[in-house]
């Protein structure tokens, strides 16, 4: 409610980042890095996980993920 008593409403039909409002690759990478930093990770660890994820389809197994557990 505004000072004059009027009300303004807005509607967002889809959440940003979902199937209907997808993030582009640059935005997705930025979100990934921001979430990792928010979790207390330093840039070296973030870079290492990003590199690991980039090679997932060529990996023999996923055992390397254990490196990133706290």
C-alpha atoms as a PDB file:
ATOM      1  CA  UNK A   1       0.000   0.000   0.000  1.00  0.00           C
ATOM      2  CA  UNK A   2       1.290   3.439  -0.905  1.00  0.00           C
ATOM      3  CA  UNK A   3       1.139   6.547   1.300  1.00  0.00           C
ATOM      4  CA  UNK A   4      -1.986   7.735  -0.502  1.00  0.00           C
ATOM      5  CA  UNK A   5      -3.709   4.425   0.265  1.00  0.00           C
ATOM      6  CA  UNK A   6      -3.581   3.122  -3.276  1.00  0.00           C
ATOM      7  CA  UNK A   7      -2.397  -0.357  -4.070  1.00  0.00           C
ATOM      8  CA  UNK A   8      -0.288  -1.448  -7.013  1.00  0.00           C
ATOM      9  CA  UNK A   9      -0.011  -5.066  -8.056  1.00  0.00           C
ATOM     10  CA  UNK A  10       2.241  -6.885 -10.469  1.00  0.00           C
ATOM     11  CA  UNK A  11       2.071 -10.429 -11.691  1.00  0.00           C
ATOM     12  CA  UNK A  12       4.943 -12.675 -12.693  1.00  0.00           C
ATOM     13  CA  UNK A  13       3.515 -15.693 -14.486  1.00  0.00           C
ATOM     14  CA  UNK A  14       6.714 -17.754 -14.303  1.00  0.00           C
ATOM     15  CA  UNK A  15       9.700 -17.863 -11.988  1.00  0.00           C
ATOM     16  CA  UNK A  16      12.952 -16.666 -13.560  1.00  0.00           C
ATOM     17  CA  UNK A  17      15.198 -19.626 -14.280  1.00  0.00           C
ATOM     18  CA  UNK A  18      12.400 -22.129 -14.820  1.00  0.00           C
ATOM     19  CA  UNK A  19      11.394 -23.843 -18.047  1.00  0.00           C
ATOM     20  CA  UNK A  20       9.317 -20.874 -19.236  1.00  0.00           C
ATOM     21  CA  UNK A  21      11.878 -18.205 -18.287  1.00  0.00           C
ATOM     22  CA  UNK A  22      15.169 -20.070 -18.675  1.00  0.00           C
ATOM     23  CA  UNK A  23      18.534 -18.489 -17.881  1.00  0.00           C
ATOM     24  CA  UNK A  24      21.017 -18.177 -20.708  1.00  0.00           C
ATOM     25  CA  UNK A  25      24.386 -19.951 -20.232  1.00  0.00           C
ATOM     26  CA  UNK A  26      26.115 -16.788 -18.998  1.00  0.00           C
ATOM     27  CA  UNK A  27      23.400 -16.135 -16.414  1.00  0.00           C
ATOM     28  CA  UNK A  28      23.415 -19.770 -15.321  1.00  0.00           C
ATOM     29  CA  UNK A  29      27.190 -19.736 -14.825  1.00  0.00           C
ATOM     30  CA  UNK A  30      26.963 -16.501 -12.841  1.00  0.00           C
ATOM     31  CA  UNK A  31      24.242 -17.997 -10.632  1.00  0.00           C
ATOM     32  CA  UNK A  32      26.306 -21.151 -10.044  1.00  0.00           C
ATOM     33  CA  UNK A  33      29.364 -19.100  -9.062  1.00  0.00           C
ATOM     34  CA  UNK A  34      27.338 -16.762  -6.819  1.00  0.00           C
ATOM     35  CA  UNK A  35      25.715 -19.705  -5.011  1.00  0.00           C
ATOM     36  CA  UNK A  36      29.091 -21.353  -4.437  1.00  0.00           C
ATOM     37  CA  UNK A  37      30.565 -18.090  -3.132  1.00  0.00           C
ATOM     38  CA  UNK A  38      27.538 -17.604  -0.869  1.00  0.00           C
ATOM     39  CA  UNK A  39      28.261 -21.078   0.504  1.00  0.00           C
ATOM     40  CA  UNK A  40      31.746 -19.928   1.492  1.00  0.00           C
ATOM     41  CA  UNK A  41      33.732 -21.450  -1.355  1.00  0.00           C
ATOM     42  CA  UNK A  42      36.802 -19.620  -2.662  1.00  0.00           C
ATOM     43  CA  UNK A  43      37.311 -19.030  -6.382  1.00  0.00           C
ATOM     44  CA  UNK A  44      39.827 -21.886  -6.728  1.00  0.00           C
ATOM     45  CA  UNK A  45      37.318 -24.406  -5.417  1.00  0.00           C
ATOM     46  CA  UNK A  46      34.541 -22.952  -7.567  1.00  0.00           C
ATOM     47  CA  UNK A  47      36.787 -23.148 -10.643  1.00  0.00           C
ATOM     48  CA  UNK A  48      37.681 -26.758  -9.827  1.00  0.00           C
ATOM     49  CA  UNK A  49      34.027 -27.809  -9.527  1.00  0.00           C
ATOM     50  CA  UNK A  50      33.134 -25.947 -12.733  1.00  0.00           C
ATOM     51  CA  UNK A  51      35.946 -27.757 -14.551  1.00  0.00           C
ATOM     52  CA  UNK A  52      34.849 -31.107 -13.119  1.00  0.00           C
ATOM     53  CA  UNK A  53      31.259 -30.497 -14.224  1.00  0.00           C
ATOM     54  CA  UNK A  54      32.395 -29.448 -17.704  1.00  0.00           C
ATOM     55  CA  UNK A  55      33.969 -32.892 -18.126  1.00  0.00           C
ATOM     56  CA  UNK A  56      31.150 -35.005 -16.689  1.00  0.00           C
ATOM     57  CA  UNK A  57      30.146 -36.580 -19.974  1.00  0.00           C
ATOM     58  CA  UNK A  58      33.701 -37.739 -20.627  1.00  0.00           C
ATOM     59  CA  UNK A  59      34.332 -38.976 -17.064  1.00  0.00           C
ATOM     60  CA  UNK A  60      34.687 -42.700 -16.391  1.00  0.00           C
ATOM     61  CA  UNK A  61      32.845 -42.289 -13.092  1.00  0.00           C
ATOM     62  CA  UNK A  62      31.679 -39.624 -10.662  1.00  0.00           C
ATOM     63  CA  UNK A  63      34.071 -40.440  -7.825  1.00  0.00           C
ATOM     64  CA  UNK A  64      35.700 -37.029  -8.266  1.00  0.00           C
ATOM     65  CA  UNK A  65      32.607 -35.421  -6.758  1.00  0.00           C
ATOM     66  CA  UNK A  66      33.755 -36.634  -3.334  1.00  0.00           C
ATOM     67  CA  UNK A  67      36.532 -34.020  -3.546  1.00  0.00           C
ATOM     68  CA  UNK A  68      33.933 -31.299  -3.170  1.00  0.00           C
ATOM     69  CA  UNK A  69      32.180 -32.600  -0.056  1.00  0.00           C
ATOM     70  CA  UNK A  70      32.637 -30.584   3.096  1.00  0.00           C
END
